[in-house]
Structures are given as C-alpha cells and as structure tokens.
Amino acid sequence: MKGFTLVETLVAITLLVIALMGPFQVVQQAVATSYAARDQLIATALAEEAVEYVRSIRDGNYLYNLANPGSVRSWMYGLDGTSGPNCFAANGCTVDPAQSSAQTALAACGGTCAPLKLSTSNIYTQSSPVGAVTTRFTRKITLTQISANEVKVTATVTWISIHVPFTMTVTDNLQNWL
C-alpha cells in the first residue's frame, strides 16, 4: 500500500485532536484564573480605599476641632447624617474619593448601590465623567456603632465574573481619639 486509507487518516486526526485538547484546556483554565485573580486584587484595593476614606474623614474632623475649638464637630461628622448621608443606616453609603469635596464623595445607597465607573484616566468613580465605562464592581460602606468611642467600618465590593457572584469585604475598627 502506498497511501493512507480514509480510516487511518481519521484515526490519526482524532489522536492529534485528543493530544492537543489537554494543553488548550490548561491554557483556558489559566486565563480564567488570572482574570479572577485580577478582579480580586481590584476589589481588595477598592474596599481598602473606602476604609481609608472613612478614616480620613475621622482625621479631618480631628484637625477641624483643633483649628476651631469654638465650633466642635462630632468625630463621625459627615458620616452620621449630620452633614451628608447616614452611613450607619442598613443600606450604607457609596464612597467616591475621586470627588473634590466630602459632600459629593458620599451618597446614601437606596437599596442597592450603583456600579462604579472607570474614567479615561483609569480612576474608579461613582460619577459619570465623559468617556467613563460602567464596571462590574459595586462598592458600599456601612458603619456600626460598637461603643461611644468606637465604630466598625465595613467596605464591601461585589462583582460578577463568568456568571459567578463574588464579594470582597474589608473591615476595620476606628476609635475616637478626639
């Protein structure tokens, strides 16, 4: 016989396909895992940013009280509903450190928080600057009173990746050192 028969050719192609499927499956799994890891890193950074923003408001209130002893603010001023949203409420607040003022950086969540947008300068924001793209991430902070001088800050970032919901939560306790 000089050539391959049709059956031999089909068997050879089948063996070749089976041999190549393994490496393709491994590559596909590696790509999916790297996307999941990327999303977790982004979510962790977004949650930590929210906690740090709340800490900066607390610190700003301390500095304000030092500079204005005749007009003292609460250590949670701006977060407790006195000037802005009440982040102690069950629905929590959104936080947008990209805003220029604390009054526009915080907003109450009405049931569900709006998704974050990614600006053309790669900054995550709640606002809608020109060219911003809506992302899969939503961020919410909630405050829980532990004592008169301690508050638990919980920042939760949720997202859906490959039809699977994920959640990243970062918590920290802040003390009143006024």
Protein backbone atom coordinates (compact mmCIF):
# COMPACT_ATOMS: atom_id res chain seq x y z
CA MET A 1 0.00 0.00 0.00
CA LYS A 2 1.28 3.34 -0.98
CA GLY A 3 -1.05 5.73 0.86
CA PHE A 4 -3.24 6.06 3.93
CA THR A 5 -6.78 4.86 3.83
CA LEU A 6 -9.61 7.08 4.95
CA VAL A 7 -9.95 5.19 8.26
CA GLU A 8 -6.27 5.57 9.07
CA THR A 9 -6.43 9.30 8.30
CA LEU A 10 -9.48 9.76 10.57
CA VAL A 11 -7.78 7.83 13.40
CA ALA A 12 -4.64 9.96 13.05
CA ILE A 13 -6.66 13.21 13.12
CA THR A 14 -8.64 12.00 16.15
CA LEU A 15 -5.43 11.19 18.05
CA LEU A 16 -3.97 14.57 17.13
CA VAL A 17 -7.08 16.42 18.33
CA ILE A 18 -7.11 14.48 21.61
CA ALA A 19 -3.42 15.23 22.15
CA LEU A 20 -3.97 18.98 21.58
CA MET A 21 -7.09 19.31 23.75
CA GLY A 22 -5.19 18.89 27.03
CA PRO A 23 -2.88 21.88 26.59
CA PHE A 24 -5.74 24.07 25.34
CA GLN A 25 -7.81 23.20 28.42
CA VAL A 26 -4.87 24.12 30.66
CA VAL A 27 -4.40 27.47 28.90
CA GLN A 28 -8.12 28.23 29.12
CA GLN A 29 -8.16 27.46 32.86
CA ALA A 30 -5.03 29.59 33.43
CA VAL A 31 -6.60 32.57 31.65
CA ALA A 32 -9.84 32.26 33.67
CA THR A 33 -7.87 32.02 36.91
CA SER A 34 -5.77 35.07 36.07
CA TYR A 35 -8.92 37.13 35.36
CA ALA A 36 -10.41 36.04 38.68
CA ALA A 37 -7.20 36.99 40.50
CA ARG A 38 -7.13 40.38 38.75
CA ASP A 39 -10.72 41.08 39.81
CA GLN A 40 -9.95 40.09 43.41
CA LEU A 41 -6.98 42.46 43.52
CA ILE A 42 -9.08 45.32 42.14
CA ALA A 43 -11.91 44.59 44.60
CA THR A 44 -9.49 44.47 47.54
CA ALA A 45 -7.96 47.81 46.57
CA LEU A 46 -11.41 49.39 46.16
CA ALA A 47 -12.55 48.13 49.58
CA GLU A 48 -9.36 49.30 51.29
CA GLU A 49 -9.69 52.69 49.60
CA ALA A 50 -13.18 53.10 51.05
CA VAL A 51 -12.00 52.27 54.59
CA GLU A 52 -9.10 54.72 54.23
CA TYR A 53 -11.51 57.42 53.05
CA VAL A 54 -13.67 56.98 56.15
CA ARG A 55 -10.51 57.14 58.27
CA SER A 56 -9.53 60.39 56.53
CA ILE A 57 -12.93 61.92 57.36
CA ARG A 58 -12.44 60.99 61.01
CA ASP A 59 -8.94 62.51 60.93
CA GLY A 60 -10.24 65.63 59.16
CA ASN A 61 -12.79 66.11 61.94
CA TYR A 62 -10.00 65.91 64.50
CA LEU A 63 -7.97 68.55 62.66
CA TYR A 64 -11.06 70.74 62.25
CA ASN A 65 -11.70 70.62 66.00
CA LEU A 66 -8.09 71.59 66.72
CA ALA A 67 -8.33 74.58 64.38
CA ASN A 68 -11.86 75.58 65.52
CA PRO A 69 -12.16 74.96 69.28
CA GLY A 70 -15.29 77.10 69.47
CA SER A 71 -17.13 75.06 66.84
CA VAL A 72 -16.53 71.41 67.69
CA ARG A 73 -17.73 68.63 65.36
CA SER A 74 -18.60 65.05 66.17
CA TRP A 75 -15.78 62.65 65.33
CA MET A 76 -18.09 60.96 62.77
CA TYR A 77 -19.33 64.26 61.32
CA GLY A 78 -20.16 63.80 57.64
CA LEU A 79 -20.90 60.09 58.04
CA ASP A 80 -23.63 60.09 60.69
CA GLY A 81 -26.28 62.06 58.83
CA THR A 82 -25.39 65.43 60.41
CA SER A 83 -23.83 66.73 57.20
CA GLY A 84 -24.39 64.25 54.42
CA PRO A 85 -25.68 60.69 54.30
CA ASN A 86 -26.12 58.46 57.31
CA CYS A 87 -23.72 55.59 56.65
CA PHE A 88 -24.93 53.90 59.86
CA ALA A 89 -28.19 53.06 58.01
CA ALA A 90 -28.76 49.50 56.85
CA ASN A 91 -28.37 50.42 53.16
CA GLY A 92 -24.98 52.04 53.76
CA CYS A 93 -23.27 54.59 51.52
CA THR A 94 -21.24 54.79 48.39
CA VAL A 95 -17.88 56.49 48.61
CA ASP A 96 -16.13 58.25 45.76
CA PRO A 97 -12.68 59.54 46.76
CA ALA A 98 -12.25 60.92 43.23
CA GLN A 99 -14.65 63.76 44.11
CA SER A 100 -13.20 67.09 45.18
CA SER A 101 -15.34 67.52 48.32
CA ALA A 102 -16.58 65.26 51.09
CA GLN A 103 -20.16 66.45 50.46
CA THR A 104 -20.18 64.96 46.96
CA ALA A 105 -17.94 61.97 47.75
CA LEU A 106 -20.54 60.24 49.92
CA ALA A 107 -24.06 59.25 48.93
CA ALA A 108 -26.67 57.04 50.54
CA CYS A 109 -27.43 53.74 48.83
CA GLY A 110 -31.11 53.39 48.10
CA GLY A 111 -31.43 49.61 48.40
CA THR A 112 -28.62 48.76 46.00
CA CYS A 113 -25.57 50.84 45.23
CA ALA A 114 -24.82 51.97 41.71
CA PRO A 115 -21.89 50.30 39.95
CA LEU A 116 -18.55 52.07 39.81
CA LYS A 117 -17.38 53.62 36.57
CA LEU A 118 -13.83 53.62 35.22
CA SER A 119 -12.76 57.00 33.89
CA THR A 120 -10.49 57.51 30.91
CA SER A 121 -7.69 58.26 33.40
CA ASN A 122 -8.24 54.80 35.00
CA ILE A 123 -9.83 56.08 38.20
CA TYR A 124 -12.85 54.29 39.68
CA THR A 125 -15.64 56.76 40.41
CA GLN A 126 -19.36 56.94 41.18
CA SER A 127 -19.80 59.92 38.85
CA SER A 128 -20.06 59.73 35.09
CA PRO A 129 -17.19 61.67 33.54
CA VAL A 130 -17.00 61.87 29.76
CA GLY A 131 -15.80 58.56 28.34
CA ALA A 132 -16.24 56.62 31.59
CA VAL A 133 -17.17 52.94 31.31
CA THR A 134 -19.51 51.21 33.75
CA THR A 135 -17.68 48.40 35.54
CA ARG A 136 -18.90 45.20 37.15
CA PHE A 137 -17.89 46.42 40.63
CA THR A 138 -20.19 47.98 43.23
CA ARG A 139 -18.84 49.38 46.50
CA LYS A 140 -20.69 50.06 49.73
CA ILE A 141 -19.60 51.14 53.19
CA THR A 142 -21.59 50.56 56.34
CA LEU A 143 -20.78 51.82 59.81
CA THR A 144 -21.72 50.02 63.01
CA GLN A 145 -21.54 51.71 66.40
CA ILE A 146 -19.60 49.48 68.81
CA SER A 147 -19.38 51.99 71.66
CA ALA A 148 -19.48 55.75 72.07
CA ASN A 149 -15.83 55.89 71.01
CA GLU A 150 -15.57 53.02 68.52
CA VAL A 151 -17.11 52.36 65.11
CA LYS A 152 -16.75 49.32 62.87
CA VAL A 153 -16.26 50.25 59.21
CA THR A 154 -17.22 47.61 56.66
CA ALA A 155 -16.43 48.12 52.99
CA THR A 156 -17.99 45.59 50.63
CA VAL A 157 -17.21 45.28 46.95
CA THR A 158 -19.34 42.92 44.86
CA TRP A 159 -18.98 41.85 41.25
CA ILE A 160 -19.99 39.10 38.85
CA SER A 161 -17.35 37.29 36.83
CA ILE A 162 -18.18 34.48 34.42
CA HIS A 163 -21.75 34.40 35.80
CA VAL A 164 -20.49 33.82 39.36
CA PRO A 165 -21.09 36.47 42.05
CA PHE A 166 -18.10 37.44 44.21
CA THR A 167 -17.77 39.58 47.33
CA MET A 168 -14.74 41.18 48.96
CA THR A 169 -15.18 42.64 52.43
CA VAL A 170 -12.67 44.70 54.40
CA THR A 171 -13.42 45.75 57.98
CA ASP A 172 -11.65 47.99 60.43
CA ASN A 173 -12.46 49.49 63.79
CA LEU A 174 -11.96 53.22 64.23
CA GLN A 175 -11.61 54.85 67.62
CA ASN A 176 -12.47 58.37 68.63
CA TRP A 177 -9.21 59.98 69.62
CA LEU A 178 -10.62 63.49 69.81
